[in-house]
Structure formats: C-alpha cells, structure tokens
C-alpha atoms as a PDB file:
ATOM      1  CA  MET A   1      -9.613 -94.302-260.056  1.00  0.00           C
ATOM      2  CA  ALA A   2     -12.329 -92.981-262.276  1.00  0.00           C
ATOM      3  CA  ASP A   3     -13.710 -89.327-261.998  1.00  0.00           C
ATOM      4  CA  GLY A   4     -16.571 -88.974-259.375  1.00  0.00           C
ATOM      5  CA  VAL A   5     -15.859 -92.214-257.389  1.00  0.00           C
ATOM      6  CA  ALA A   6     -17.262 -91.668-253.996  1.00  0.00           C
ATOM      7  CA  LEU A   7     -16.018 -93.190-250.756  1.00  0.00           C
ATOM      8  CA  GLY A   8     -18.226 -93.123-247.686  1.00  0.00           C
ATOM      9  CA  ILE A   9     -16.305 -92.940-244.403  1.00  0.00           C
ATOM     10  CA  ILE A  10     -18.142 -93.640-241.041  1.00  0.00           C
ATOM     11  CA  PRO A  11     -15.732 -92.613-238.251  1.00  0.00           C
ATOM     12  CA  ALA A  12     -16.598 -94.458-235.057  1.00  0.00           C
ATOM     13  CA  ARG A  13     -14.012 -94.407-232.271  1.00  0.00           C
ATOM     14  CA  GLY A  14     -14.378 -96.291-229.225  1.00  0.00           C
ATOM     15  CA  GLY A  15     -13.469 -93.883-226.541  1.00  0.00           C
ATOM     16  CA  SER A  16     -16.859 -91.807-226.093  1.00  0.00           C
ATOM     17  CA  LYS A  17     -16.924 -90.119-222.660  1.00  0.00           C
ATOM     18  CA  THR A  18     -20.385 -88.626-222.322  1.00  0.00           C
ATOM     19  CA  VAL A  19     -22.059 -91.795-223.403  1.00  0.00           C
ATOM     20  CA  PRO A  20     -19.797 -94.891-222.926  1.00  0.00           C
ATOM     21  CA  ARG A  21     -19.612 -97.020-225.886  1.00  0.00           C
ATOM     22  CA  LYS A  22     -21.878 -94.699-227.697  1.00  0.00           C
ATOM     23  CA  ASN A  23     -21.522 -96.177-231.310  1.00  0.00           C
ATOM     24  CA  LEU A  24     -22.853 -99.535-230.086  1.00  0.00           C
ATOM     25  CA  LYS A  25     -25.600 -98.228-227.935  1.00  0.00           C
ATOM     26  CA  LEU A  26     -29.112 -99.479-229.197  1.00  0.00           C
ATOM     27  CA  LEU A  27     -31.375 -96.976-230.882  1.00  0.00           C
ATOM     28  CA  GLY A  28     -34.576 -98.605-232.152  1.00  0.00           C
ATOM     29  CA  GLY A  29     -33.484-101.929-231.117  1.00  0.00           C
ATOM     30  CA  LYS A  30     -30.054-101.883-233.237  1.00  0.00           C
ATOM     31  CA  PRO A  31     -26.657-100.519-232.577  1.00  0.00           C
ATOM     32  CA  LEU A  32     -26.262 -96.769-233.381  1.00  0.00           C
ATOM     33  CA  ILE A  33     -23.590 -97.415-235.866  1.00  0.00           C
ATOM     34  CA  ALA A  34     -25.943 -99.781-237.828  1.00  0.00           C
ATOM     35  CA  TRP A  35     -28.108 -96.852-238.862  1.00  0.00           C
ATOM     36  CA  SER A  36     -25.421 -95.135-241.007  1.00  0.00           C
ATOM     37  CA  ILE A  37     -24.155 -98.544-242.366  1.00  0.00           C
ATOM     38  CA  GLU A  38     -27.632 -99.448-243.674  1.00  0.00           C
ATOM     39  CA  ALA A  39     -28.110 -96.158-245.201  1.00  0.00           C
ATOM     40  CA  ALA A  40     -24.702 -96.289-247.002  1.00  0.00           C
ATOM     41  CA  ARG A  41     -25.489 -99.750-248.196  1.00  0.00           C
ATOM     42  CA  ALA A  42     -28.799 -98.573-249.585  1.00  0.00           C
ATOM     43  CA  ALA A  43     -27.314 -95.444-251.553  1.00  0.00           C
ATOM     44  CA  ARG A  44     -27.002 -96.035-255.215  1.00  0.00           C
ATOM     45  CA  GLU A  45     -24.347 -93.362-255.902  1.00  0.00           C
ATOM     46  CA  LEU A  46     -21.849 -94.397-253.196  1.00  0.00           C
ATOM     47  CA  ASP A  47     -19.268 -96.579-254.731  1.00  0.00           C
ATOM     48  CA  ARG A  48     -17.828 -97.913-251.377  1.00  0.00           C
ATOM     49  CA  CYS A  49     -18.216 -97.278-247.647  1.00  0.00           C
ATOM     50  CA  ILE A  50     -15.846 -98.119-244.858  1.00  0.00           C
ATOM     51  CA  VAL A  51     -15.859 -97.736-241.096  1.00  0.00           C
ATOM     52  CA  SER A  52     -12.738 -96.140-239.524  1.00  0.00           C
ATOM     53  CA  THR A  53     -12.485 -97.220-235.915  1.00  0.00           C
ATOM     54  CA  ASP A  54      -9.899 -97.930-233.334  1.00  0.00           C
ATOM     55  CA  ASP A  55     -11.986-100.374-231.537  1.00  0.00           C
ATOM     56  CA  GLU A  56     -12.188-104.072-232.233  1.00  0.00           C
ATOM     57  CA  GLU A  57     -15.784-104.558-230.832  1.00  0.00           C
ATOM     58  CA  ILE A  58     -17.089-101.822-232.990  1.00  0.00           C
ATOM     59  CA  ALA A  59     -15.189-103.107-235.887  1.00  0.00           C
ATOM     60  CA  ALA A  60     -16.742-106.550-235.387  1.00  0.00           C
ATOM     61  CA  VAL A  61     -20.338-105.138-234.898  1.00  0.00           C
ATOM     62  CA  ALA A  62     -19.939-102.967-238.295  1.00  0.00           C
ATOM     63  CA  ARG A  63     -18.884-105.990-240.182  1.00  0.00           C
ATOM     64  CA  GLU A  64     -21.872-107.954-238.774  1.00  0.00           C
ATOM     65  CA  HIS A  65     -24.066-105.336-240.339  1.00  0.00           C
ATOM     66  CA  GLY A  66     -22.425-105.488-243.821  1.00  0.00           C
ATOM     67  CA  ALA A  67     -19.810-102.796-243.377  1.00  0.00           C
ATOM     68  CA  GLU A  68     -16.174-102.970-244.589  1.00  0.00           C
ATOM     69  CA  VAL A  69     -13.458-102.383-242.000  1.00  0.00           C
ATOM     70  CA  PRO A  70     -10.115-102.591-243.712  1.00  0.00           C
ATOM     71  CA  PHE A  71      -7.802-101.291-240.875  1.00  0.00           C
ATOM     72  CA  LEU A  72      -7.983-100.339-237.309  1.00  0.00           C
ATOM     73  CA  ARG A  73      -7.454 -96.616-236.694  1.00  0.00           C
ATOM     74  CA  PRO A  74      -4.339 -95.861-234.910  1.00  0.00           C
ATOM     75  CA  PRO A  75      -4.715 -94.535-231.287  1.00  0.00           C
ATOM     76  CA  GLU A  76      -3.318 -90.974-232.237  1.00  0.00           C
ATOM     77  CA  TYR A  77      -6.201 -90.510-234.544  1.00  0.00           C
ATOM     78  CA  ALA A  78      -8.892 -91.540-232.106  1.00  0.00           C
ATOM     79  CA  ARG A  79      -8.434 -88.965-229.174  1.00  0.00           C
ATOM     80  CA  ASP A  80     -11.188 -86.800-227.780  1.00  0.00           C
ATOM     81  CA  ASP A  81      -9.904 -83.831-229.549  1.00  0.00           C
ATOM     82  CA  THR A  82      -8.974 -85.395-232.857  1.00  0.00           C
ATOM     83  CA  PRO A  83     -10.780 -83.625-235.704  1.00  0.00           C
ATOM     84  CA  ASP A  84     -12.031 -85.121-238.860  1.00  0.00           C
ATOM     85  CA  LEU A  85      -9.050 -84.095-241.063  1.00  0.00           C
ATOM     86  CA  PRO A  86      -6.448 -86.478-239.888  1.00  0.00           C
ATOM     87  CA  VAL A  87      -9.005 -89.411-239.668  1.00  0.00           C
ATOM     88  CA  PHE A  88      -9.815 -88.911-243.454  1.00  0.00           C
ATOM     89  CA  GLN A  89      -6.047 -88.332-244.279  1.00  0.00           C
ATOM     90  CA  HIS A  90      -5.370 -91.662-242.473  1.00  0.00           C
ATOM     91  CA  ALA A  91      -7.889 -93.656-244.289  1.00  0.00           C
ATOM     92  CA  LEU A  92      -7.098 -92.213-247.679  1.00  0.00           C
ATOM     93  CA  GLY A  93      -3.402 -92.726-247.128  1.00  0.00           C
ATOM     94  CA  TRP A  94      -3.953 -96.446-245.980  1.00  0.00           C
ATOM     95  CA  LEU A  95      -6.230 -97.198-248.874  1.00  0.00           C
ATOM     96  CA  ALA A  96      -3.788 -95.738-251.469  1.00  0.00           C
ATOM     97  CA  GLU A  97      -0.675 -97.620-250.022  1.00  0.00           C
ATOM     98  CA  HIS A  98      -2.230-100.881-249.452  1.00  0.00           C
ATOM     99  CA  GLN A  99      -5.043-101.130-252.055  1.00  0.00           C
ATOM    100  CA  ARG A 100      -4.019 -98.400-254.696  1.00  0.00           C
ATOM    101  CA  TYR A 101      -7.572 -97.065-254.197  1.00  0.00           C
ATOM    102  CA  ARG A 102      -7.977 -93.211-254.669  1.00  0.00           C
ATOM    103  CA  PRO A 103     -11.464 -92.010-254.778  1.00  0.00           C
ATOM    104  CA  ALA A 104     -12.504 -88.670-256.181  1.00  0.00           C
ATOM    105  CA  MET A 105     -14.468 -87.689-253.032  1.00  0.00           C
ATOM    106  CA  VAL A 106     -15.037 -88.586-249.349  1.00  0.00           C
ATOM    107  CA  VAL A 107     -18.657 -88.741-248.255  1.00  0.00           C
ATOM    108  CA  HIS A 108     -18.692 -88.099-244.369  1.00  0.00           C
ATOM    109  CA  LEU A 109     -21.324 -90.168-242.696  1.00  0.00           C
ATOM    110  CA  ARG A 110     -21.373 -89.350-238.816  1.00  0.00           C
ATOM    111  CA  PRO A 111     -22.692 -92.325-236.803  1.00  0.00           C
ATOM    112  CA  THR A 112     -24.231 -89.893-234.364  1.00  0.00           C
ATOM    113  CA  LEU A 113     -26.822 -88.743-236.899  1.00  0.00           C
ATOM    114  CA  PRO A 114     -28.834 -91.802-237.765  1.00  0.00           C
ATOM    115  CA  PHE A 115     -31.682 -90.456-239.447  1.00  0.00           C
ATOM    116  CA  ARG A 116     -30.245 -89.757-242.967  1.00  0.00           C
ATOM    117  CA  GLU A 117     -32.015 -91.273-245.878  1.00  0.00           C
ATOM    118  CA  PRO A 118     -30.037 -93.110-248.678  1.00  0.00           C
ATOM    119  CA  ARG A 119     -31.495 -90.574-251.260  1.00  0.00           C
ATOM    120  CA  GLN A 120     -29.808 -87.699-249.237  1.00  0.00           C
ATOM    121  CA  ILE A 121     -26.360 -89.546-249.712  1.00  0.00           C
ATOM    122  CA  ASP A 122     -27.191 -90.005-253.459  1.00  0.00           C
ATOM    123  CA  GLU A 123     -28.281 -86.211-253.985  1.00  0.00           C
ATOM    124  CA  VAL A 124     -25.057 -84.853-252.123  1.00  0.00           C
ATOM    125  CA  ILE A 125     -22.908 -87.100-254.481  1.00  0.00           C
ATOM    126  CA  ARG A 126     -24.748 -85.895-257.469  1.00  0.00           C
ATOM    127  CA  ALA A 127     -24.323 -82.343-256.411  1.00  0.00           C
ATOM    128  CA  MET A 128     -20.495 -82.679-256.043  1.00  0.00           C
ATOM    129  CA  ARG A 129     -20.332 -84.444-259.569  1.00  0.00           C
ATOM    130  CA  GLU A 130     -22.497 -81.835-261.139  1.00  0.00           C
ATOM    131  CA  THR A 131     -21.076 -78.636-259.646  1.00  0.00           C
ATOM    132  CA  GLY A 132     -17.405 -79.420-259.403  1.00  0.00           C
ATOM    133  CA  ALA A 133     -17.467 -77.873-255.802  1.00  0.00           C
ATOM    134  CA  ASP A 134     -14.660 -78.640-253.116  1.00  0.00           C
ATOM    135  CA  CYS A 135     -17.279 -79.573-250.648  1.00  0.00           C
ATOM    136  CA  VAL A 136     -20.975 -79.959-250.415  1.00  0.00           C
ATOM    137  CA  LYS A 137     -22.376 -79.468-246.955  1.00  0.00           C
ATOM    138  CA  SER A 138     -25.721 -80.226-245.483  1.00  0.00           C
ATOM    139  CA  VAL A 139     -27.213 -77.229-243.816  1.00  0.00           C
ATOM    140  CA  TYR A 140     -30.586 -76.050-242.450  1.00  0.00           C
ATOM    141  CA  LEU A 141     -31.824 -72.552-241.680  1.00  0.00           C
ATOM    142  CA  GLU A 142     -31.044 -71.634-237.979  1.00  0.00           C
ATOM    143  CA  GLU A 143     -33.495 -69.782-235.961  1.00  0.00           C
ATOM    144  CA  HIS A 144     -31.015 -68.920-233.153  1.00  0.00           C
ATOM    145  CA  HIS A 145     -29.244 -65.969-235.190  1.00  0.00           C
ATOM    146  CA  PRO A 146     -25.707 -64.934-234.327  1.00  0.00           C
ATOM    147  CA  HIS A 147     -27.135 -61.411-234.436  1.00  0.00           C
ATOM    148  CA  LYS A 148     -28.894 -62.178-231.196  1.00  0.00           C
ATOM    149  CA  MET A 149     -25.874 -63.763-229.385  1.00  0.00           C
ATOM    150  CA  TRP A 150     -23.555 -62.105-227.044  1.00  0.00           C
ATOM    151  CA  ARG A 151     -19.779 -62.438-226.050  1.00  0.00           C
ATOM    152  CA  MET A 152     -18.770 -62.289-222.333  1.00  0.00           C
ATOM    153  CA  ARG A 153     -15.367 -60.627-221.327  1.00  0.00           C
ATOM    154  CA  ASP A 154     -14.359 -59.534-218.045  1.00  0.00           C
ATOM    155  CA  GLY A 155     -17.947 -60.018-216.690  1.00  0.00           C
ATOM    156  CA  ARG A 156     -19.347 -57.688-219.304  1.00  0.00           C
ATOM    157  CA  LEU A 157     -21.402 -58.451-222.219  1.00  0.00           C
ATOM    158  CA  GLY A 158     -20.912 -57.368-225.888  1.00  0.00           C
ATOM    159  CA  PRO A 159     -22.222 -58.299-229.359  1.00  0.00           C
ATOM    160  CA  TYR A 160     -20.919 -61.517-230.677  1.00  0.00           C
ATOM    161  CA  GLU A 161     -20.843 -60.117-234.018  1.00  0.00           C
ATOM    162  CA  ASP A 162     -20.173 -56.323-233.962  1.00  0.00           C
ATOM    163  CA  THR A 163     -21.720 -55.485-237.309  1.00  0.00           C
ATOM    164  CA  PRO A 164     -22.992 -52.207-238.753  1.00  0.00           C
ATOM    165  CA  LEU A 165     -26.524 -53.675-238.525  1.00  0.00           C
ATOM    166  CA  TRP A 166     -26.130 -54.235-234.744  1.00  0.00           C
ATOM    167  CA  ARG A 167     -24.756 -50.875-234.136  1.00  0.00           C
ATOM    168  CA  ALA A 168     -27.632 -49.373-236.024  1.00  0.00           C
ATOM    169  CA  VAL A 169     -30.433 -51.417-234.521  1.00  0.00           C
ATOM    170  CA  GLY A 170     -29.111 -53.389-231.623  1.00  0.00           C
ATOM    171  CA  ALA A 171     -29.640 -57.021-230.695  1.00  0.00           C
ATOM    172  CA  ASP A 172     -33.478 -56.919-231.115  1.00  0.00           C
ATOM    173  CA  CYS A 173     -33.243 -56.818-234.884  1.00  0.00           C
ATOM    174  CA  PRO A 174     -36.406 -57.986-236.670  1.00  0.00           C
ATOM    175  CA  ARG A 175     -36.015 -61.208-238.268  1.00  0.00           C
ATOM    176  CA  GLN A 176     -37.130 -59.804-241.707  1.00  0.00           C
ATOM    177  CA  ILE A 177     -33.970 -57.699-242.125  1.00  0.00           C
ATOM    178  CA  ARG A 178     -31.341 -60.168-240.672  1.00  0.00           C
ATOM    179  CA  GLU A 179     -29.441 -62.170-243.173  1.00  0.00           C
ATOM    180  CA  PRO A 180     -30.366 -65.862-242.879  1.00  0.00           C
ATOM    181  CA  ALA A 181     -27.805 -67.974-240.835  1.00  0.00           C
ATOM    182  CA  TRP A 182     -27.283 -71.525-241.809  1.00  0.00           C
ATOM    183  CA  TRP A 183     -26.287 -74.313-239.451  1.00  0.00           C
ATOM    184  CA  SER A 184     -24.056 -77.224-240.525  1.00  0.00           C
ATOM    185  CA  ALA A 185     -26.346 -80.110-240.017  1.00  0.00           C
ATOM    186  CA  GLY A 186     -23.584 -82.808-240.285  1.00  0.00           C
ATOM    187  CA  LEU A 187     -26.036 -85.284-241.881  1.00  0.00           C
ATOM    188  CA  VAL A 188     -24.126 -85.768-245.093  1.00  0.00           C
ATOM    189  CA  ASP A 189     -21.072 -83.962-246.271  1.00  0.00           C
ATOM    190  CA  ALA A 190     -18.803 -84.595-249.351  1.00  0.00           C
ATOM    191  CA  ILE A 191     -15.267 -83.425-249.816  1.00  0.00           C
ATOM    192  CA  ARG A 192     -12.990 -83.796-252.645  1.00  0.00           C
ATOM    193  CA  ARG A 193      -9.942 -85.832-252.088  1.00  0.00           C
ATOM    194  CA  GLN A 194      -7.535 -83.408-253.379  1.00  0.00           C
ATOM    195  CA  VAL A 195      -8.955 -80.800-250.763  1.00  0.00           C
ATOM    196  CA  ILE A 196      -8.457 -83.241-247.915  1.00  0.00           C
ATOM    197  CA  GLU A 197      -4.713 -83.952-249.155  1.00  0.00           C
ATOM    198  CA  ARG A 198      -4.279 -80.186-249.224  1.00  0.00           C
ATOM    199  CA  GLY A 199      -5.094 -79.972-245.465  1.00  0.00           C
ATOM    200  CA  SER A 200      -8.790 -78.963-245.454  1.00  0.00           C
ATOM    201  CA  THR A 201     -12.336 -80.481-245.017  1.00  0.00           C
ATOM    202  CA  VAL A 202     -14.107 -77.718-246.854  1.00  0.00           C
ATOM    203  CA  GLY A 203     -11.902 -76.124-249.432  1.00  0.00           C
ATOM    204  CA  THR A 204     -12.989 -72.879-251.115  1.00  0.00           C
ATOM    205  CA  VAL A 205     -15.953 -73.649-253.069  1.00  0.00           C
ATOM    206  CA  VAL A 206     -18.610 -74.888-250.794  1.00  0.00           C
ATOM    207  CA  VAL A 207     -22.062 -75.793-252.026  1.00  0.00           C
ATOM    208  CA  PRO A 208     -25.065 -76.208-249.658  1.00  0.00           C
ATOM    209  CA  TYR A 209     -27.392 -79.158-249.415  1.00  0.00           C
ATOM    210  CA  VAL A 210     -30.447 -77.960-247.504  1.00  0.00           C
ATOM    211  CA  VAL A 211     -32.129 -80.446-245.249  1.00  0.00           C
ATOM    212  CA  ASP A 212     -34.954 -80.495-242.748  1.00  0.00           C
ATOM    213  CA  PRO A 213     -33.762 -79.863-239.225  1.00  0.00           C
ATOM    214  CA  GLU A 214     -36.179 -82.286-237.521  1.00  0.00           C
ATOM    215  CA  PRO A 215     -34.339 -85.579-238.253  1.00  0.00           C
ATOM    216  CA  CYS A 216     -30.915 -83.887-237.601  1.00  0.00           C
ATOM    217  CA  VAL A 217     -30.608 -85.232-233.990  1.00  0.00           C
ATOM    218  CA  ASP A 218     -27.033 -85.384-233.124  1.00  0.00           C
ATOM    219  CA  LEU A 219     -26.602 -87.915-230.437  1.00  0.00           C
ATOM    220  CA  ASP A 220     -23.993 -86.765-227.850  1.00  0.00           C
ATOM    221  CA  THR A 221     -25.848 -87.364-224.473  1.00  0.00           C
ATOM    222  CA  GLU A 222     -28.238 -89.898-222.947  1.00  0.00           C
ATOM    223  CA  HIS A 223     -30.758 -87.215-223.241  1.00  0.00           C
ATOM    224  CA  ASP A 224     -30.140 -87.095-227.037  1.00  0.00           C
ATOM    225  CA  PHE A 225     -30.851 -90.777-227.260  1.00  0.00           C
ATOM    226  CA  VAL A 226     -34.249 -90.230-225.398  1.00  0.00           C
ATOM    227  CA  ILE A 227     -35.114 -87.719-227.906  1.00  0.00           C
ATOM    228  CA  ALA A 228     -33.962 -89.862-230.878  1.00  0.00           C
ATOM    229  CA  GLU A 229     -36.309 -92.543-229.783  1.00  0.00           C
ATOM    230  CA  VAL A 230     -39.142 -90.003-229.938  1.00  0.00           C
ATOM    231  CA  VAL A 231     -38.128 -88.714-233.277  1.00  0.00           C
ATOM    232  CA  LEU A 232     -37.737 -92.492-234.569  1.00  0.00           C
ATOM    233  CA  GLY A 233     -41.438 -93.254-233.455  1.00  0.00           C
ATOM    234  CA  LEU A 234     -42.673 -90.082-235.290  1.00  0.00           C
ATOM    235  CA  LEU A 235     -40.766 -90.995-238.496  1.00  0.00           C
ATOM    236  CA  ARG A 236     -42.148 -94.488-238.369  1.00  0.00           C
ATOM    237  CA  ARG A 237     -45.607 -93.424-238.003  1.00  0.00           C
ATOM    238  CA  THR A 238     -45.264 -91.075-240.806  1.00  0.00           C
ATOM    239  CA  GLU A 239     -44.085 -93.744-242.916  1.00  0.00           C
ATOM    240  CA  GLU A 240     -46.833 -96.108-241.782  1.00  0.00           C
ATOM    241  CA  GLY A 241     -49.412 -93.118-242.701  1.00  0.00           C
ATOM    242  CA  ALA A 242     -47.753 -92.690-246.165  1.00  0.00           C
ATOM    243  CA  GLY A 243     -48.039 -96.408-246.947  1.00  0.00           C
ATOM    244  CA  ARG A 244     -51.726 -96.333-246.096  1.00  0.00           C
ATOM    245  CA  THR A 245     -52.615 -93.639-248.616  1.00  0.00           C
END
C-alpha cells in the first residue's frame, strides 16, 4: 500500500448493556451508526472505511447506509471489556490476509460520538501525514483539573496527584498557575499501522488535534441520547442561521 493510505474503522459491537442495541438506536431520525458512516463517506482524505461488528443486524444497517462490512468480528473481540487494540489488530490482520490490504494508518471513528465533521477527519489525516507522528489524538481543554481531584483509601482522602504544586498550595490552586489538562475527546483519532502491530494505540509521538468540547457528546446512557438530541437541535439551528447570512 502507498504511504499515507488511511483506513477508517467504525467499531460497533452488538452487546451494549447500558443502552441495548445502542448503535442502532435512532438519533435525529436515523440509526446512531449512520452518523459516523455519513461523515466517513464525506471525508476526502479517507481512502476506505469499514465497520467492524459482531452483529448481523448492525452489519446490514451499516451496509444500507453505504458502509463496507467485509467480515463479522469474532465474539472474543466483542466482549464488554474488549479494548480497542485487539479490534484494530483483528481488522488489519483480516484485511492483510484476505485482501492483501495494508494501510498506513487507522482512523478511529467511534459510533458513540456522532457529531464529527468530515473536515475534522480530513484534518487529522493530514496531520498524520505532515507530522509523521505515531498518533494524532483529538483533545479539548478540561475544566475539571486533576489537581482538584481526590483519591480515597481506607476511608480517607488524599490528593489524586501528589505534586510539588499541590504540597505547596493545596487543592484550591488558582487556575492561572495550573498546567492545563487536556481530555481525550475520542472524536477522531489516527494511529499508524506499525504502532498497532507493535501492540499500542498511541505509540510514542502523539500530536494533539484540538476540538470544541460542545459537540463531543459520547453516548453511553439514555440520558446521553436526550442531551444529544438537544445538541443536534442547536447544531441545526446554527447551520440554518449561517445559511441565511
């Protein structure tokens, strides 16, 4: 495969517990997984995108919305506690064995974050190509700082991060002198194939892609879906307003 080839992977297992059949639950009138598929198909820098699922119904819905589902993920890679790494390794191994397809990078498109824009996918891919990083990770500035968090042991509290700054000024440290903390947004992440093959989803050199926190609604509960419908309404009103100017 040519240098820079970007493979999008949308991992969507069928066994969601908190919200049953979550990836098929309707948001804005269409299945949740359709939002990620549509963004991937509209991205210009993404060479290919597949859905990795263990579920026949999810596979069928994904194909209806234009996604490629070249295999069904084995059950051992679709448990509640399955991390991202074996899912990516399985997909890359299957594609290499059955199609001789070896992309330069994997672009992780989580279906539970539906409000990504195609341009964000493109910008992350371009950042990977231009920087040569092991990983480009979407992040946003986190207001809930680790410096103000506590650890509980044996019924007693202590600092979550016992740093020289905490020992000097305590938990009520002014924001202006704290080092900024960045939250992993999960909106669009890219990882070099060789990094995944070596057993990591980040590698050593990780470059930030800074995003707005507002659309980063990660849908894990029924309440999250209620919030997402509100966010969707706000996004649509913003787009309509921009179209009238």
